[in-house]
Amino acid sequence: MRALLISLILFFSTAALADENILNVYAWSGVIPDFIIQQFEKETGIKVNFSTYDSNETMYTKLRANPRAGYDIIEPSSYYIDRMRRQQMLEPLDKKQLSHYKNINSLFLKTHYDPEDKYSIPFIWGATGIAVNKSAFDPKTITRWSDLWKKIYLNQLMLLNDSREVFSVALITLGRSINETEPKQIKEAYQKLKELLPNVKLFNSDATISILIDEDATLGMAWNGDTFKASLENPHLTFIYPKDGFVIWVDTFAIPRNAPHQTNAYRFLNFMLRADVAKKIALDNNYPTANLAAQNLLPNSIKHNPIIYPSREVLKRGEFQRDMSDVALGVYEKYWEKLKMGS
C-alpha cells in the first residue's frame, strides 16, 4: 500500500508539473514567427499552445463569451486594450517580473488607451498614410489627405477596406479627431467621402502589398509597414505621412483575467521584451517594433528608413485610435455601408 501511495503521489505531482509547464497564447496571425516560439520553448522548457485570430472583434467576442477560455497571453490592438481594461477583462501587470520592460520606446507609454501602462505592453506598431508610386505621381505634390480629392486622381486611389481608417481621412481633412463620436460629424465625414468616390479604384486591406508591388494601384491609403515591405520589391514606392495628421495603431501584449499560467505568461512577456528577440521579430515581419533597444540593433538601412521609423517630430502629428461606444460604431457602419454601395 505504501509503495502504491508513493507511486500515486509521484504520478499526480508529475502530471501537475506538466500541466503547469504550458502557455496558451492567442495572437494575430503572421506576426510572431514560429522560430521565436520554438526558441522560447527550448530556453524555458515551456510548451506553447499557439492559436491565432484575424480580427480584434473575434478575440474580444471569444473572451467576452468565455472569461475562462484558458488563454495566458493575448495580443489586442490599442483601442481594444482601452475597452477590455474598462470592462475588467485584463490582469494588472506586475512590472517587477519584467526586467526588460525598460526596453520599450517611451513614445508608446502613458497613452490614452492605457494611461498608467497598467495592462499592456506595446509590441509592434504602424501608421496609416499615403503610398505613392513615384513612376506614376510626383510625391512632392501629395502632402495632405486633402490632396486625394484632386480630379487628376480620377479612378486611381486604393482605400483600405476598413470603416474607421477610411473615415479618419475625411475627419482629418475636416479638422476633426479620428475618434469622433458625434453622429452629425460622422455624417459630415461620410458626405466628404462621397465626393472622393470618383477617385476610388478599389477598397482593399488584405492584399495591399501585392497591389502596390504589381502596380494595380499606384496611389492610396496604406500602412507604413506594408509599404515598406512592398518597397523592397518595387523601389518606385514611397510613403507619405500626411501633414494634416494620421492614424497610429499599436498591437500589444496583455494577460487576460483568469489566465491559468500567469508565471509562464510573465516569462513569455519578459522574453519578448528582450532586445535580441524583438530584433529578430522585426527583421522577420518588417513591422516597426515598439522596443527601442531592439530598434537600435537593426541595420542602418532599416532603423534609419523614414518609412518604417519616422522622426519623433513626424510622429507627433499622429493620433492613436481609441475605443468608442457600440452606438457610435453603429453610426460608422451605417454610413460605411452606404458609402460602399455608392449611395
Protein backbone atom coordinates (compact mmCIF):
# COMPACT_ATOMS: atom_id res chain seq x y z
CA MET A 1 0.00 0.00 0.00
CA ARG A 2 2.79 2.37 0.93
CA ALA A 3 4.57 1.77 -2.39
CA LEU A 4 1.30 2.32 -4.26
CA LEU A 5 0.64 5.55 -2.36
CA ILE A 6 4.12 6.88 -3.17
CA SER A 7 3.64 5.96 -6.84
CA LEU A 8 0.31 7.80 -6.96
CA ILE A 9 1.81 10.87 -5.31
CA LEU A 10 4.67 10.91 -7.81
CA PHE A 11 2.30 10.39 -10.73
CA PHE A 12 -0.02 13.24 -9.79
CA SER A 13 2.90 15.55 -8.90
CA THR A 14 4.46 14.93 -12.32
CA ALA A 15 1.10 15.45 -14.05
CA ALA A 16 0.54 18.72 -12.19
CA LEU A 17 4.05 19.90 -13.08
CA ALA A 18 3.49 19.03 -16.74
CA ASP A 19 0.20 20.92 -16.67
CA GLU A 20 1.96 23.99 -15.27
CA ASN A 21 4.68 23.74 -17.89
CA ILE A 22 2.47 25.10 -20.67
CA LEU A 23 1.48 28.50 -22.03
CA ASN A 24 -1.63 29.31 -24.07
CA VAL A 25 -1.09 32.20 -26.49
CA TYR A 26 -3.85 33.80 -28.60
CA ALA A 27 -2.37 36.27 -31.09
CA TRP A 28 -2.63 37.84 -34.53
CA SER A 29 -1.83 35.53 -37.43
CA GLY A 30 1.53 36.04 -39.15
CA VAL A 31 3.12 38.39 -36.61
CA ILE A 32 5.12 36.18 -34.21
CA PRO A 33 7.46 33.88 -36.18
CA ASP A 34 7.41 30.15 -35.45
CA PHE A 35 11.13 30.13 -34.73
CA ILE A 36 10.62 32.63 -31.89
CA ILE A 37 8.07 30.34 -30.22
CA GLN A 38 10.46 27.42 -30.69
CA GLN A 39 13.31 29.42 -29.14
CA PHE A 40 11.16 30.25 -26.11
CA GLU A 41 10.20 26.60 -25.68
CA LYS A 42 13.83 25.49 -25.94
CA GLU A 43 15.10 28.08 -23.44
CA THR A 44 12.34 27.57 -20.87
CA GLY A 45 11.03 24.04 -21.35
CA ILE A 46 7.52 25.54 -21.51
CA LYS A 47 5.20 24.09 -24.15
CA VAL A 48 3.37 26.83 -26.07
CA ASN A 49 -0.12 26.22 -27.43
CA PHE A 50 -0.37 28.92 -30.09
CA SER A 51 -3.76 29.98 -31.51
CA THR A 52 -4.41 32.85 -33.93
CA TYR A 53 -7.20 35.23 -34.91
CA ASP A 54 -7.73 37.64 -37.80
CA SER A 55 -9.54 40.48 -36.04
CA ASN A 56 -9.79 42.12 -32.63
CA GLU A 57 -13.52 41.50 -32.73
CA THR A 58 -13.00 37.72 -32.96
CA MET A 59 -10.64 37.70 -29.99
CA TYR A 60 -12.81 40.02 -27.90
CA THR A 61 -16.04 38.13 -28.59
CA LYS A 62 -14.45 34.81 -27.65
CA LEU A 63 -13.10 36.09 -24.33
CA ARG A 64 -16.27 38.00 -23.57
CA ALA A 65 -18.36 34.86 -24.09
CA ASN A 66 -16.00 32.69 -22.05
CA PRO A 67 -13.91 34.59 -19.44
CA ARG A 68 -12.22 31.31 -18.51
CA ALA A 69 -11.20 30.36 -22.05
CA GLY A 70 -7.77 29.40 -20.73
CA TYR A 71 -5.55 31.89 -22.58
CA ASP A 72 -2.48 33.28 -20.81
CA ILE A 73 -1.35 35.84 -23.39
CA ILE A 74 -3.43 37.85 -25.89
CA GLU A 75 -2.42 40.48 -28.45
CA PRO A 76 -5.10 43.21 -28.61
CA SER A 77 -4.73 46.40 -30.61
CA SER A 78 -4.60 49.62 -28.62
CA TYR A 79 -8.28 50.56 -28.76
CA TYR A 80 -9.28 47.09 -27.56
CA ILE A 81 -6.96 47.46 -24.59
CA ASP A 82 -8.98 50.59 -23.83
CA ARG A 83 -12.25 48.64 -23.99
CA MET A 84 -11.06 45.49 -22.19
CA ARG A 85 -9.38 47.27 -19.29
CA ARG A 86 -12.56 49.27 -18.62
CA GLN A 87 -14.57 46.03 -18.67
CA GLN A 88 -12.10 44.44 -16.22
CA MET A 89 -11.11 41.71 -18.69
CA LEU A 90 -7.36 42.14 -18.13
CA GLU A 91 -4.93 41.42 -15.31
CA PRO A 92 -2.90 44.38 -13.99
CA LEU A 93 0.77 43.87 -14.84
CA ASP A 94 3.41 43.22 -12.20
CA LYS A 95 6.37 45.19 -13.60
CA LYS A 96 8.71 43.62 -11.03
CA GLN A 97 8.54 40.43 -13.10
CA LEU A 98 9.53 42.27 -16.30
CA SER A 99 13.23 43.08 -16.07
CA HIS A 100 13.36 44.07 -19.77
CA TYR A 101 10.43 46.48 -19.57
CA LYS A 102 12.93 49.36 -19.80
CA ASN A 103 13.50 48.48 -23.48
CA ILE A 104 10.12 49.93 -24.53
CA ASN A 105 10.13 53.14 -26.56
CA SER A 106 8.67 55.88 -24.33
CA LEU A 107 6.62 57.16 -27.30
CA PHE A 108 4.28 54.23 -26.71
CA LEU A 109 3.90 54.64 -22.97
CA LYS A 110 1.39 56.75 -20.99
CA THR A 111 -1.10 56.65 -23.86
CA HIS A 112 -4.83 57.39 -23.78
CA TYR A 113 -5.72 53.71 -24.17
CA ASP A 114 -3.63 52.69 -21.13
CA PRO A 115 -2.67 55.91 -19.31
CA GLU A 116 -0.86 54.21 -16.42
CA ASP A 117 0.75 51.44 -18.54
CA LYS A 118 -1.05 49.09 -16.20
CA TYR A 119 -2.48 46.49 -18.59
CA SER A 120 -0.49 46.36 -21.83
CA ILE A 121 2.98 46.02 -23.32
CA PRO A 122 3.49 47.69 -26.71
CA PHE A 123 4.75 45.14 -29.24
CA ILE A 124 4.54 46.36 -32.84
CA TRP A 125 3.02 49.49 -34.29
CA GLY A 126 2.16 51.17 -37.54
CA ALA A 127 0.75 54.28 -39.14
CA THR A 128 -1.75 54.90 -41.92
CA GLY A 129 -0.55 57.23 -44.64
CA ILE A 130 -0.34 57.65 -48.39
CA ALA A 131 1.55 55.17 -50.57
CA VAL A 132 2.82 56.71 -53.79
CA ASN A 133 4.41 55.10 -56.82
CA LYS A 134 6.98 57.66 -57.95
CA SER A 135 6.89 56.39 -61.54
CA ALA A 136 3.24 57.48 -61.74
CA PHE A 137 3.00 60.53 -59.49
CA ASP A 138 5.32 63.14 -58.02
CA PRO A 139 5.24 62.59 -54.23
CA LYS A 140 6.15 66.25 -53.67
CA THR A 141 2.66 67.20 -54.87
CA ILE A 142 0.95 64.93 -52.31
CA THR A 143 1.47 66.11 -48.74
CA ARG A 144 -2.01 66.01 -47.20
CA TRP A 145 -5.07 63.76 -47.24
CA SER A 146 -6.99 66.61 -48.85
CA ASP A 147 -4.79 66.25 -51.95
CA LEU A 148 -6.53 62.95 -52.75
CA TRP A 149 -9.70 64.83 -53.74
CA LYS A 150 -7.95 66.37 -56.78
CA LYS A 151 -9.66 65.50 -60.06
CA ILE A 152 -6.38 64.33 -61.62
CA TYR A 153 -6.64 61.18 -59.48
CA LEU A 154 -9.90 60.00 -61.09
CA ASN A 155 -10.24 56.21 -60.61
CA GLN A 156 -6.69 55.95 -59.24
CA LEU A 157 -6.99 55.53 -55.48
CA MET A 158 -6.77 52.47 -53.28
CA LEU A 159 -8.52 52.88 -49.94
CA LEU A 160 -8.26 50.44 -47.05
CA ASN A 161 -11.31 48.25 -46.57
CA ASP A 162 -11.80 49.49 -43.03
CA SER A 163 -14.52 51.89 -41.96
CA ARG A 164 -12.68 53.71 -39.18
CA GLU A 165 -9.50 54.03 -41.23
CA VAL A 166 -11.33 55.48 -44.23
CA PHE A 167 -13.50 57.80 -42.15
CA SER A 168 -10.36 59.06 -40.40
CA VAL A 169 -9.20 60.50 -43.74
CA ALA A 170 -12.35 62.62 -44.06
CA LEU A 171 -12.39 63.54 -40.37
CA ILE A 172 -8.78 64.74 -40.50
CA THR A 173 -9.48 66.68 -43.70
CA LEU A 174 -12.40 68.35 -41.90
CA GLY A 175 -10.15 69.21 -38.96
CA ARG A 176 -11.69 66.70 -36.56
CA SER A 177 -10.41 63.86 -34.40
CA ILE A 178 -10.19 60.35 -35.83
CA ASN A 179 -12.09 59.29 -32.70
CA GLU A 180 -15.15 61.46 -33.41
CA THR A 181 -18.38 60.00 -31.97
CA GLU A 182 -21.00 62.66 -32.77
CA PRO A 183 -23.45 61.36 -35.42
CA LYS A 184 -23.65 64.79 -37.08
CA GLN A 185 -19.88 64.92 -37.58
CA ILE A 186 -19.73 61.29 -38.78
CA LYS A 187 -22.40 62.09 -41.37
CA GLU A 188 -20.41 65.13 -42.48
CA ALA A 189 -17.35 62.85 -42.95
CA TYR A 190 -19.50 60.47 -44.99
CA GLN A 191 -20.60 63.32 -47.26
CA LYS A 192 -16.96 64.32 -47.71
CA LEU A 193 -16.08 60.75 -48.66
CA LYS A 194 -18.89 60.63 -51.21
CA GLU A 195 -17.08 63.46 -53.01
CA LEU A 196 -13.96 61.28 -53.08
CA LEU A 197 -15.67 58.19 -54.58
CA PRO A 198 -15.00 59.09 -58.27
CA ASN A 199 -11.28 58.90 -57.50
CA VAL A 200 -11.54 55.48 -55.76
CA LYS A 201 -10.47 52.47 -57.79
CA LEU A 202 -10.73 49.82 -55.07
CA PHE A 203 -11.08 49.10 -51.36
CA ASN A 204 -8.59 46.55 -50.01
CA SER A 205 -6.80 45.72 -46.77
CA ASP A 206 -5.75 42.08 -47.27
CA ALA A 207 -3.61 42.32 -50.42
CA THR A 208 -2.22 45.84 -50.28
CA ILE A 209 1.39 44.67 -50.53
CA SER A 210 0.86 42.73 -53.76
CA ILE A 211 -1.32 45.51 -55.19
CA LEU A 212 1.45 48.03 -54.59
CA ILE A 213 4.18 45.74 -55.92
CA ASP A 214 2.22 44.83 -59.07
CA GLU A 215 1.12 48.47 -59.54
CA ASP A 216 -2.56 47.56 -59.71
CA ALA A 217 -2.90 50.82 -57.79
CA THR A 218 -0.21 53.50 -57.76
CA LEU A 219 -1.66 55.84 -55.14
CA GLY A 220 -3.73 55.50 -51.99
CA MET A 221 -4.06 54.60 -48.33
CA ALA A 222 -1.66 52.06 -46.85
CA TRP A 223 0.08 51.13 -43.65
CA ASN A 224 3.72 52.11 -43.39
CA GLY A 225 4.81 48.53 -42.69
CA ASP A 226 3.05 47.20 -45.80
CA THR A 227 4.51 49.98 -47.94
CA PHE A 228 7.98 49.24 -46.61
CA LYS A 229 7.60 45.53 -47.42
CA ALA A 230 6.35 46.34 -50.91
CA SER A 231 9.19 48.81 -51.49
CA LEU A 232 11.71 46.00 -51.01
CA GLU A 233 10.42 44.55 -54.29
CA ASN A 234 9.27 47.73 -56.02
CA PRO A 235 11.76 50.58 -55.46
CA HIS A 236 9.38 53.12 -57.03
CA LEU A 237 7.27 53.12 -53.87
CA THR A 238 7.42 55.71 -51.14
CA PHE A 239 5.24 56.62 -48.18
CA ILE A 240 3.82 59.99 -47.14
CA TYR A 241 2.99 60.84 -43.52
CA PRO A 242 0.27 63.44 -44.19
CA LYS A 243 0.92 66.87 -42.74
CA ASP A 244 -2.68 67.16 -41.59
CA GLY A 245 -2.41 64.06 -39.39
CA PHE A 246 -2.69 60.27 -39.49
CA VAL A 247 -3.76 57.19 -37.54
CA ILE A 248 -1.27 55.37 -35.31
CA TRP A 249 -2.10 51.82 -34.25
CA VAL A 250 -0.29 49.64 -31.72
CA ASP A 251 -0.59 45.91 -31.15
CA THR A 252 0.14 45.00 -27.56
CA PHE A 253 0.53 42.03 -25.27
CA ALA A 254 -1.76 41.57 -22.28
CA ILE A 255 -2.68 38.93 -19.72
CA PRO A 256 -6.42 38.19 -19.69
CA ARG A 257 -8.27 37.94 -16.42
CA ASN A 258 -8.29 34.37 -15.05
CA ALA A 259 -5.17 33.37 -17.03
CA PRO A 260 -4.29 29.91 -15.64
CA HIS A 261 -0.49 30.09 -16.12
CA GLN A 262 0.48 33.60 -15.11
CA THR A 263 4.03 32.73 -14.05
CA ASN A 264 4.70 31.36 -17.52
CA ALA A 265 2.96 34.39 -19.05
CA TYR A 266 5.45 36.72 -17.37
CA ARG A 267 8.35 34.59 -18.57
CA PHE A 268 7.00 34.90 -22.11
CA LEU A 269 6.49 38.66 -21.85
CA ASN A 270 9.99 39.20 -20.49
CA PHE A 271 11.38 37.00 -23.27
CA MET A 272 9.54 39.05 -25.91
CA LEU A 273 10.87 42.27 -24.36
CA ARG A 274 14.48 41.18 -24.82
CA ALA A 275 16.25 43.35 -27.40
CA ASP A 276 17.73 40.38 -29.27
CA VAL A 277 14.35 38.66 -29.54
CA ALA A 278 12.44 41.80 -30.60
CA LYS A 279 15.13 42.49 -33.21
CA LYS A 280 14.66 39.02 -34.76
CA ILE A 281 10.91 39.56 -34.90
CA ALA A 282 11.26 42.99 -36.52
CA LEU A 283 13.60 41.60 -39.19
CA ASP A 284 11.19 38.77 -39.93
CA ASN A 285 7.83 40.54 -40.11
CA ASN A 286 9.09 44.02 -41.16
CA TYR A 287 6.71 45.82 -38.82
CA PRO A 288 8.13 48.67 -36.71
CA THR A 289 8.97 47.48 -33.22
CA ALA A 290 7.96 49.39 -30.09
CA ASN A 291 11.14 48.06 -28.46
CA LEU A 292 13.69 50.90 -28.67
CA ALA A 293 16.61 48.70 -27.61
CA ALA A 294 15.78 46.31 -30.46
CA GLN A 295 15.34 49.17 -32.94
CA ASN A 296 18.85 50.36 -32.12
CA LEU A 297 20.21 46.90 -33.04
CA LEU A 298 18.65 46.91 -36.51
CA PRO A 299 20.72 47.53 -39.67
CA ASN A 300 21.06 51.22 -40.56
CA SER A 301 19.10 50.62 -43.77
CA ILE A 302 16.06 49.77 -41.63
CA LYS A 303 16.33 51.80 -38.42
CA HIS A 304 17.04 54.99 -40.40
CA ASN A 305 14.41 54.29 -43.05
CA PRO A 306 11.86 57.16 -42.80
CA ILE A 307 9.01 54.91 -43.99
CA ILE A 308 9.33 52.41 -41.19
CA TYR A 309 10.81 54.64 -38.46
CA PRO A 310 9.84 58.30 -38.94
CA SER A 311 11.22 61.02 -36.70
CA ARG A 312 9.62 61.93 -33.39
CA GLU A 313 8.61 65.23 -34.96
CA VAL A 314 6.62 63.40 -37.64
CA LEU A 315 5.01 61.02 -35.13
CA LYS A 316 3.71 63.98 -33.13
CA ARG A 317 1.22 64.55 -35.96
CA GLY A 318 -0.29 61.10 -35.40
CA GLU A 319 -3.28 60.18 -33.26
CA PHE A 320 -3.92 56.87 -31.54
CA GLN A 321 -7.17 55.06 -32.29
CA ARG A 322 -9.38 54.83 -29.21
CA ASP A 323 -12.35 52.69 -28.32
CA MET A 324 -15.84 54.08 -28.81
CA SER A 325 -19.35 53.04 -27.87
CA ASP A 326 -21.33 50.47 -29.82
CA VAL A 327 -23.79 53.26 -30.67
CA ALA A 328 -21.07 55.34 -32.34
CA LEU A 329 -19.67 52.28 -34.12
CA GLY A 330 -23.16 51.57 -35.41
CA VAL A 331 -23.32 55.05 -36.93
CA TYR A 332 -19.99 54.48 -38.66
CA GLU A 333 -21.15 51.13 -40.02
CA LYS A 334 -24.40 52.59 -41.32
CA TYR A 335 -22.61 55.25 -43.34
CA TRP A 336 -19.83 52.85 -44.33
CA GLU A 337 -22.36 50.55 -45.98
CA LYS A 338 -23.97 53.49 -47.77
CA LEU A 339 -20.53 54.62 -48.97
CA LYS A 340 -19.55 51.18 -50.28
CA MET A 341 -22.87 50.98 -52.11
CA GLY A 342 -22.23 54.40 -53.62
CA SER A 343 -25.46 55.80 -52.22
